[in-house]
Protein backbone atom coordinates (compact mmCIF):
# COMPACT_ATOMS: atom_id res chain seq x y z
CA MET A 1 12.23 -210.54 -2.95
CA SER A 2 16.08 -211.34 -3.26
CA ALA A 3 17.58 -214.04 -2.75
CA ARG A 4 17.26 -214.63 0.47
CA GLY A 5 13.67 -213.20 0.27
CA ARG A 6 14.09 -210.52 1.72
CA THR A 7 12.59 -207.09 -0.36
CA SER A 8 14.21 -204.65 -2.86
CA ARG A 9 14.08 -201.52 -1.14
CA ARG A 10 14.82 -198.52 -2.63
CA VAL A 11 18.40 -197.20 -1.90
CA VAL A 12 18.62 -192.90 -1.69
CA VAL A 13 21.68 -190.83 -0.85
CA THR A 14 21.31 -188.39 2.54
CA GLY A 15 24.70 -186.77 3.11
CA MET A 16 27.52 -186.93 0.92
CA GLY A 17 31.11 -185.29 1.74
CA ILE A 18 34.70 -184.76 -0.44
CA ALA A 19 37.70 -184.17 0.40
CA SER A 20 40.06 -183.35 -2.79
CA ALA A 21 42.58 -181.13 -4.14
CA ILE A 22 40.35 -178.47 -5.47
CA GLY A 23 38.98 -178.35 -2.55
CA ILE A 24 36.87 -179.83 0.56
CA GLY A 25 33.57 -179.40 0.33
CA GLU A 26 31.09 -179.99 -2.10
CA ASP A 27 30.19 -176.08 -2.61
CA GLU A 28 34.11 -175.34 -3.33
CA VAL A 29 35.02 -178.56 -5.44
CA TRP A 30 31.48 -178.11 -7.64
CA ALA A 31 32.91 -174.32 -8.76
CA ASN A 32 35.65 -175.44 -9.55
CA LEU A 33 34.51 -178.00 -11.45
CA LEU A 34 32.52 -175.74 -13.45
CA ALA A 35 35.18 -173.03 -13.48
CA GLY A 36 37.74 -176.05 -15.10
CA ARG A 37 39.99 -175.48 -12.23
CA THR A 38 42.41 -178.35 -12.31
CA GLY A 39 43.45 -179.31 -8.64
CA ILE A 40 47.36 -180.61 -10.01
CA ASP A 41 50.41 -178.84 -8.90
CA GLU A 42 53.99 -179.98 -7.97
CA ILE A 43 54.07 -181.90 -5.36
CA ARG A 44 55.04 -180.08 -2.33
CA ALA A 45 54.74 -183.44 0.14
CA ILE A 46 58.41 -185.10 -0.44
CA ASP A 47 61.44 -184.16 -2.54
CA THR A 48 60.59 -184.93 -6.40
CA SER A 49 64.52 -183.93 -7.35
CA ASP A 50 65.05 -188.36 -8.82
CA HIS A 51 61.54 -188.47 -10.16
CA LYS A 52 60.61 -188.40 -13.70
CA VAL A 53 57.09 -187.07 -12.35
CA LYS A 54 57.12 -184.31 -10.28
CA LEU A 55 53.47 -183.32 -10.37
CA GLY A 56 50.14 -184.35 -8.23
CA ALA A 57 47.12 -183.27 -7.06
CA GLU A 58 47.57 -182.79 -3.13
CA VAL A 59 44.91 -182.02 -1.03
CA ASP A 60 45.43 -178.22 1.16
CA SER A 61 46.69 -179.41 4.21
CA GLU A 62 46.07 -176.74 5.77
CA ALA A 63 42.57 -177.17 5.72
CA LEU A 64 42.66 -180.22 5.88
CA HIS A 65 44.37 -180.00 9.44
CA ALA A 66 41.76 -177.04 10.03
CA ARG A 67 38.55 -179.33 9.75
CA LEU A 68 40.21 -182.78 11.63
CA LYS A 69 40.57 -179.38 14.33
CA GLU A 70 36.63 -178.80 14.29
CA LEU A 71 36.23 -182.57 14.37
CA ARG A 72 38.53 -183.09 17.47
CA LEU A 73 40.89 -185.10 15.76
CA ARG A 74 44.82 -184.84 15.14
CA PRO A 75 46.39 -186.00 12.49
CA VAL A 76 46.36 -189.69 12.22
CA ASP A 77 47.13 -191.17 8.63
CA ARG A 78 46.62 -188.94 5.53
CA ALA A 79 43.56 -191.26 3.61
CA HIS A 80 42.74 -192.47 7.64
CA ASP A 81 42.21 -188.07 7.78
CA LEU A 82 40.69 -187.62 4.21
CA ALA A 83 38.28 -190.33 5.64
CA MET A 84 37.08 -188.66 9.07
CA VAL A 85 36.09 -185.19 6.98
CA ALA A 86 34.50 -186.10 3.83
CA GLY A 87 32.49 -189.17 6.13
CA ALA A 88 31.93 -185.48 8.90
CA ASP A 89 29.95 -184.06 5.88
CA ALA A 90 28.10 -186.73 4.53
CA LEU A 91 26.72 -188.14 7.95
CA ARG A 92 25.91 -184.01 9.37
CA GLN A 93 24.09 -183.04 5.86
CA ALA A 94 22.74 -186.17 6.31
CA GLY A 95 20.78 -185.04 10.18
CA VAL A 96 22.29 -188.36 11.61
CA VAL A 97 24.93 -186.07 13.88
CA GLY A 98 25.62 -183.10 15.39
CA GLU A 99 28.36 -182.15 17.68
CA PRO A 100 30.14 -184.48 19.84
CA PRO A 101 29.61 -186.38 22.15
CA TYR A 102 27.93 -188.46 19.48
CA GLU A 103 24.88 -190.83 20.21
CA PRO A 104 25.63 -194.36 18.74
CA LEU A 105 23.96 -195.41 16.08
CA PRO A 106 23.08 -198.44 14.16
CA ILE A 107 24.70 -197.28 10.60
CA ALA A 108 27.10 -199.59 8.83
CA VAL A 109 30.46 -198.03 6.84
CA ILE A 110 31.90 -199.83 3.95
CA PHE A 111 34.59 -198.02 2.66
CA GLY A 112 37.14 -198.50 -0.47
CA THR A 113 41.14 -197.78 -0.78
CA GLY A 114 43.42 -198.64 -2.47
CA GLU A 115 46.96 -198.09 -0.87
CA GLY A 116 45.09 -198.07 2.98
CA SER A 117 47.13 -196.05 5.62
CA ALA A 118 50.05 -195.82 2.93
CA GLU A 119 51.29 -193.11 5.43
CA SER A 120 51.84 -194.76 8.62
CA HIS A 121 53.72 -197.72 6.63
CA TRP A 122 55.93 -195.81 5.06
CA ASN A 123 56.67 -194.27 8.80
CA GLY A 124 56.74 -197.45 10.11
CA PHE A 125 59.49 -198.87 7.13
CA SER A 126 61.21 -195.64 8.02
CA ALA A 127 61.48 -196.32 11.66
CA PHE A 128 62.89 -200.04 11.43
CA PHE A 129 65.18 -198.94 9.11
CA GLU A 130 66.64 -196.18 11.05
CA LYS A 131 66.36 -198.03 14.63
CA GLY A 132 65.72 -200.90 13.88
CA VAL A 133 62.75 -203.18 15.95
CA LYS A 134 63.66 -200.88 18.73
CA GLY A 135 62.22 -198.20 17.08
CA LEU A 136 58.48 -199.51 15.79
CA ARG A 137 56.15 -198.20 18.14
CA PRO A 138 53.37 -200.60 19.61
CA THR A 139 50.58 -197.55 17.45
CA THR A 140 52.05 -199.36 13.79
CA VAL A 141 50.38 -202.27 14.31
CA PRO A 142 46.98 -200.89 13.94
CA ARG A 143 47.50 -197.38 12.49
CA CYS A 144 48.54 -199.81 9.82
CA MET A 145 46.03 -201.35 9.86
CA TYR A 146 43.68 -201.15 6.14
CA ASN A 147 40.17 -201.68 8.31
CA ALA A 148 42.14 -198.24 10.06
CA ILE A 149 39.93 -195.85 7.78
CA SER A 150 36.35 -197.60 8.55
CA SER A 151 37.16 -198.49 12.02
CA GLY A 152 38.01 -194.44 12.72
CA LEU A 153 35.00 -193.81 11.13
CA SER A 154 32.90 -196.14 13.36
CA ILE A 155 34.88 -195.41 16.67
CA HIS A 156 34.45 -191.71 16.01
CA PHE A 157 30.78 -190.98 14.92
CA ARG A 158 29.52 -194.04 16.98
CA LEU A 159 28.24 -196.02 13.97
CA GLU A 160 27.32 -199.48 15.45
CA GLY A 161 26.59 -201.25 12.23
CA ALA A 162 29.51 -203.29 10.55
CA ASN A 163 32.45 -201.66 9.42
CA TYR A 164 35.22 -203.07 7.00
CA VAL A 165 37.22 -202.12 3.56
CA VAL A 166 37.14 -202.85 -0.15
CA VAL A 167 40.32 -203.34 -1.34
CA SER A 168 40.57 -203.22 -5.09
CA ALA A 169 42.89 -201.05 -6.72
CA CYS A 170 40.77 -198.61 -8.98
CA THR A 171 37.57 -199.94 -8.53
CA SER A 172 38.16 -200.49 -4.75
CA ALA A 173 35.61 -197.36 -4.06
CA THR A 174 33.23 -198.51 -6.18
CA ASN A 175 32.99 -201.70 -4.89
CA ALA A 176 32.30 -200.34 -1.43
CA ILE A 177 29.34 -198.39 -3.11
CA GLY A 178 27.89 -200.90 -4.35
CA ALA A 179 28.81 -203.91 -1.58
CA ALA A 180 26.77 -200.92 0.81
CA PHE A 181 23.98 -200.64 -1.81
CA ARG A 182 23.58 -204.25 -1.95
CA GLN A 183 23.24 -203.96 1.53
CA VAL A 184 20.39 -201.07 1.51
CA ARG A 185 18.61 -202.97 -1.23
CA ASP A 186 17.94 -206.32 0.46
CA GLY A 187 17.32 -205.39 4.32
CA TYR A 188 20.71 -206.24 5.72
CA ALA A 189 20.93 -202.24 7.00
CA ASP A 190 18.98 -199.14 6.71
CA ALA A 191 22.43 -196.88 6.15
CA VAL A 192 25.65 -197.25 5.58
CA LEU A 193 27.91 -194.63 5.34
CA CYS A 194 30.50 -195.42 2.11
CA GLY A 195 32.66 -194.38 -0.27
CA GLY A 196 37.24 -194.13 -0.44
CA SER A 197 40.13 -192.39 0.61
CA ASP A 198 43.76 -192.93 -0.15
CA GLY A 199 46.44 -190.58 0.67
CA PHE A 200 50.12 -191.77 -0.24
CA PHE A 201 52.46 -189.12 -1.43
CA ASP A 202 55.13 -190.18 0.11
CA PRO A 203 58.53 -191.25 -0.58
CA PHE A 204 57.44 -195.43 -1.20
CA PHE A 205 53.73 -195.17 -2.44
CA TYR A 206 54.81 -192.53 -4.46
CA GLY A 207 58.16 -193.61 -5.86
CA VAL A 208 56.53 -196.93 -6.68
CA TRP A 209 53.88 -195.63 -9.06
CA ASN A 210 56.65 -193.53 -10.26
CA ASN A 211 58.61 -196.23 -12.37
CA LEU A 212 55.57 -198.25 -13.33
CA GLY A 213 55.74 -195.23 -16.76
CA VAL A 214 51.92 -194.65 -16.99
CA LEU A 215 52.30 -191.05 -15.40
CA SER A 216 52.35 -188.70 -17.81
CA PRO A 217 55.55 -186.60 -17.90
CA ASP A 218 54.06 -183.46 -18.78
CA PRO A 219 55.93 -181.00 -16.54
CA ASP A 220 52.36 -178.20 -17.49
CA PRO A 221 50.05 -178.91 -14.52
CA ARG A 222 47.18 -177.25 -16.55
CA THR A 223 47.86 -179.92 -19.76
CA ALA A 224 49.71 -183.11 -17.86
CA CYS A 225 45.94 -185.69 -17.20
CA ARG A 226 44.39 -185.14 -20.88
CA PRO A 227 41.25 -188.35 -20.50
CA PHE A 228 40.26 -189.63 -24.09
CA ASP A 229 42.96 -186.16 -25.99
CA ALA A 230 44.66 -187.56 -28.58
CA ALA A 231 48.39 -185.94 -27.01
CA ARG A 232 47.23 -187.81 -23.73
CA GLN A 233 50.77 -189.14 -22.08
CA GLY A 234 49.51 -190.21 -19.11
CA THR A 235 47.87 -189.81 -15.57
CA ILE A 236 48.39 -188.14 -12.70
CA LEU A 237 47.92 -189.20 -9.39
CA GLY A 238 46.54 -186.83 -6.52
CA GLU A 239 44.97 -187.96 -3.07
CA GLY A 240 41.16 -187.73 -1.79
CA ALA A 241 38.08 -189.28 0.04
CA ALA A 242 34.67 -188.83 -0.77
CA ALA A 243 32.10 -190.27 1.52
CA LEU A 244 27.54 -191.08 1.00
CA LEU A 245 25.01 -192.19 3.31
CA LEU A 246 23.10 -194.40 1.83
CA GLU A 247 19.57 -194.98 3.63
CA SER A 248 16.30 -196.80 2.43
CA ALA A 249 13.91 -194.04 1.65
CA GLU A 250 11.39 -195.25 3.67
CA HIS A 251 14.29 -195.04 6.36
CA ALA A 252 15.10 -191.70 4.71
CA ALA A 253 11.52 -190.44 4.80
CA ARG A 254 11.03 -191.31 8.37
CA ARG A 255 13.61 -188.84 9.38
CA GLY A 256 12.45 -186.65 7.01
CA ALA A 257 15.65 -186.32 5.69
CA THR A 258 16.70 -183.86 2.19
CA VAL A 259 17.47 -186.76 0.01
CA ARG A 260 20.35 -185.83 -2.64
CA GLY A 261 19.41 -188.21 -4.93
CA GLU A 262 20.00 -192.66 -5.81
CA VAL A 263 21.65 -196.02 -6.59
CA ARG A 264 19.64 -197.98 -8.90
CA GLY A 265 22.12 -200.41 -10.34
CA TYR A 266 25.25 -201.85 -9.57
CA GLY A 267 27.72 -203.94 -11.31
CA GLU A 268 30.48 -206.04 -11.51
CA SER A 269 32.80 -208.44 -13.31
CA SER A 270 36.49 -209.80 -13.60
CA ASP A 271 38.69 -209.33 -17.19
CA ALA A 272 40.21 -213.00 -15.95
CA SER A 273 43.12 -212.11 -18.64
CA HIS A 274 45.58 -209.79 -16.97
CA ARG A 275 46.64 -207.33 -14.18
CA THR A 276 47.20 -204.34 -15.81
CA GLN A 277 45.62 -204.69 -19.57
CA PRO A 278 41.75 -203.76 -19.61
CA SER A 279 40.08 -205.51 -21.35
CA ALA A 280 36.74 -203.75 -23.25
CA ASP A 281 34.50 -207.58 -22.35
CA GLY A 282 34.85 -207.09 -18.90
CA GLN A 283 34.31 -203.92 -18.73
CA ALA A 284 31.16 -204.11 -21.09
CA ARG A 285 30.06 -207.00 -19.07
CA ALA A 286 29.79 -205.00 -15.71
CA MET A 287 28.08 -202.41 -17.50
CA ARG A 288 25.42 -204.40 -18.96
CA ALA A 289 25.06 -205.99 -15.00
CA ALA A 290 24.48 -202.42 -13.69
CA LEU A 291 22.31 -201.33 -16.42
CA ASP A 292 20.03 -205.13 -16.27
CA ASP A 293 20.06 -204.12 -12.06
CA ALA A 294 18.70 -201.07 -12.16
CA GLY A 295 16.17 -202.02 -14.80
CA ILE A 296 16.60 -199.19 -17.46
CA THR A 297 18.61 -199.65 -21.03
CA ALA A 298 21.54 -197.49 -22.17
CA ALA A 299 18.91 -195.53 -24.34
CA ASP A 300 18.24 -194.41 -21.09
CA LEU A 301 21.25 -192.83 -20.25
CA ALA A 302 21.88 -189.82 -19.45
CA ALA A 303 25.82 -189.19 -19.42
CA ILE A 304 27.92 -192.13 -18.63
CA SER A 305 30.95 -190.93 -16.29
CA ALA A 306 33.86 -192.89 -17.16
CA HIS A 307 36.91 -193.92 -15.51
CA GLY A 308 39.48 -192.09 -18.28
CA THR A 309 42.51 -191.84 -16.39
CA ALA A 310 44.07 -190.32 -19.70
CA THR A 311 46.28 -193.63 -20.16
CA HIS A 312 46.73 -194.74 -23.99
CA ALA A 313 45.68 -198.54 -23.18
CA ASN A 314 42.24 -197.43 -20.24
CA ASP A 315 40.96 -194.87 -22.56
CA VAL A 316 40.73 -196.56 -25.86
CA THR A 317 39.31 -199.82 -23.84
CA GLU A 318 36.95 -197.98 -21.57
CA ALA A 319 35.82 -195.96 -25.26
CA ALA A 320 35.62 -199.57 -26.87
CA SER A 321 33.08 -201.11 -23.88
CA ILE A 322 30.93 -198.10 -24.37
CA ARG A 323 30.78 -198.38 -27.62
CA GLU A 324 29.58 -201.80 -27.23
CA VAL A 325 26.59 -201.25 -24.25
CA LEU A 326 25.69 -198.15 -25.92
CA GLY A 327 25.18 -199.34 -29.61
CA ASP A 328 23.26 -196.96 -31.40
CA ALA A 329 22.93 -194.67 -28.27
CA VAL A 330 26.59 -194.19 -28.75
CA GLY A 331 26.27 -191.13 -30.42
CA SER A 332 23.94 -189.08 -28.39
CA VAL A 333 25.55 -190.21 -24.95
CA PRO A 334 27.45 -187.60 -23.41
CA VAL A 335 30.67 -189.02 -21.89
CA VAL A 336 32.73 -186.93 -18.90
CA ALA A 337 36.28 -187.48 -17.17
CA GLN A 338 37.51 -185.46 -14.22
CA LYS A 339 41.00 -186.59 -13.26
CA SER A 340 42.56 -183.90 -15.43
CA TYR A 341 40.74 -182.35 -11.65
CA PHE A 342 41.56 -184.44 -9.12
CA GLY A 343 44.12 -186.23 -10.79
CA HIS A 344 43.64 -190.37 -10.28
CA THR A 345 43.24 -190.68 -6.94
CA LEU A 346 43.11 -194.80 -6.89
CA GLY A 347 40.36 -196.70 -4.81
CA ALA A 348 38.87 -193.14 -3.55
CA SER A 349 38.18 -192.07 -7.16
CA GLY A 350 34.64 -193.99 -7.66
CA ALA A 351 33.56 -192.35 -4.65
CA LEU A 352 34.53 -188.70 -5.67
CA GLU A 353 33.67 -189.32 -8.80
CA THR A 354 30.00 -190.32 -8.11
CA VAL A 355 29.48 -187.90 -6.23
CA THR A 356 30.30 -185.38 -8.60
CA ALA A 357 27.93 -187.12 -10.38
CA LEU A 358 25.13 -186.64 -8.55
CA LEU A 359 26.11 -183.38 -8.52
CA GLY A 360 25.36 -182.45 -11.93
CA LEU A 361 22.47 -184.80 -12.00
CA GLU A 362 21.03 -182.29 -9.33
CA HIS A 363 22.17 -179.83 -10.50
CA GLY A 364 21.62 -180.50 -14.50
CA VAL A 365 25.14 -179.73 -15.46
CA LEU A 366 27.86 -181.56 -17.07
CA PRO A 367 31.30 -180.35 -16.37
CA PRO A 368 33.78 -179.63 -18.92
CA ASN A 369 36.40 -182.08 -19.96
CA PRO A 370 38.90 -178.94 -19.84
CA ASN A 371 42.35 -180.77 -21.18
CA LEU A 372 40.40 -182.09 -24.09
CA GLU A 373 41.85 -180.12 -27.45
CA THR A 374 41.84 -182.79 -30.07
CA PRO A 375 39.59 -186.32 -28.90
CA ASP A 376 41.38 -189.54 -30.17
CA PRO A 377 39.69 -190.71 -33.07
CA GLU A 378 40.08 -194.00 -31.17
CA CYS A 379 37.92 -193.02 -28.51
CA ASP A 380 34.99 -193.01 -30.74
CA VAL A 381 32.48 -191.73 -28.10
CA ARG A 382 30.22 -188.71 -27.17
CA LEU A 383 32.99 -187.32 -25.40
CA VAL A 384 31.95 -183.58 -23.06
CA GLY A 385 34.75 -180.53 -24.64
CA ARG A 386 35.99 -178.19 -23.04
CA GLU A 387 32.13 -176.23 -22.46
CA ALA A 388 29.77 -177.44 -19.18
CA GLU A 389 26.83 -178.64 -20.96
CA PRO A 390 23.10 -179.23 -19.76
CA LEU A 391 22.59 -182.77 -18.07
CA ARG A 392 19.31 -183.62 -19.49
CA GLY A 393 17.50 -186.52 -18.31
CA ASP A 394 17.22 -189.07 -15.19
CA PHE A 395 20.63 -191.91 -14.77
CA VAL A 396 23.91 -191.56 -15.41
CA MET A 397 26.23 -194.24 -15.21
CA LYS A 398 29.53 -194.20 -13.19
CA ASN A 399 32.31 -196.71 -14.62
CA SER A 400 36.13 -197.57 -12.44
CA PHE A 401 38.27 -200.50 -13.61
CA GLY A 402 41.20 -201.39 -11.45
CA PHE A 403 44.56 -203.24 -11.82
CA GLY A 404 43.93 -206.93 -11.28
CA GLY A 405 41.32 -206.57 -13.92
CA GLY A 406 38.55 -206.01 -11.97
CA ASN A 407 35.29 -204.08 -12.69
CA GLY A 408 32.90 -201.74 -11.05
CA VAL A 409 30.08 -199.86 -12.15
CA LEU A 410 27.10 -197.87 -10.84
CA ILE A 411 23.76 -196.57 -11.92
CA LEU A 412 22.79 -193.00 -10.36
CA ALA A 413 19.45 -191.63 -10.73
CA ARG A 414 18.15 -188.15 -9.93
CA ALA A 415 16.77 -187.89 -6.83
CA GLY A 416 12.88 -189.10 -7.34
CA ALA A 417 13.45 -190.26 -11.10
CA PRO A 418 10.70 -192.78 -12.44
CA ASP A 419 11.49 -196.46 -11.52
CA ARG A 420 11.29 -197.93 -14.74
CA SER A 421 12.07 -201.91 -14.02
């Protein structure tokens, strides 16, 4: 029983959707992961001639707009639009929605985002500075709300459960999935559409990140983002969204739904030390909390999907926290990092990497780390190299760590994995 006297329920994943620089839809994404094909390229959305870093991982706009048209939607805001496409795929795959008009459903929506409706903010700022207050449209307010993402999903698909967003930098989506997991596990909701979305290739938001000093100056898209490599020079930003429908196992069984995987545990913590410098101790607390919540030990893990940003501080710190938590198992648990494919999608990253971790469990494969040529000796963990590896076992840990010192960790399980608690 939970603290409120509610029964603790098993939480399963019945639908997934993903929109990323390496494809829209899980089949295209998975094929590109296995092929080691990056989505990083020269940025097309804005003029980068004055920028130090000219690379990013953009979603194909033509493909995105075609999917919006199928949903009878017009482009509104990049983060919103990406979430709508990913959310639609998750709901359809789960078999809870078909074609419009949609029937009302008691499903909640919890989404993470780091930058929110960045495109709408930029458009509002531009209109104000060009034309003054008379240039601001009344629609600026609802479009600029961070919860425009979750409310857009709720309104379009008529999802009548709670809807809100979680904003916690790069941990946002993982926090959102964790919150959804607890809602279902503890009986507050039978089903929650959760995930994350970010889209920020506009002159302001990309400009400030360009000046932060954490982006890789490597001009070659194939090698610019190199998590855990000794030659890494920084991260590369990307846009994207991913969505998962979480349900109680009982609810899914009553519907006859296909189970794609499970969420078994969630842990979170704060470093409480620095806004931008990570802490191995803080990360380790979240990792241990997730293992305890799932009722498993570090030795039960088949793999870890790392946050792996390819910045010096993050990779070294994360490797240290992994070593601390794994202990004697550190040499046997493989570690993957996927921002060399997607770029760093900030508040969406945890959702994209949760989907790919579940796909890995389903297919029994760990995609390669394509840019890992010379592992950094300071990152002394069991890194997956430039070739795919078998994924043997039932459980994957998904790490997300963000500016502000927030840490979120999920324990994901293969569908039907035994209960070790």
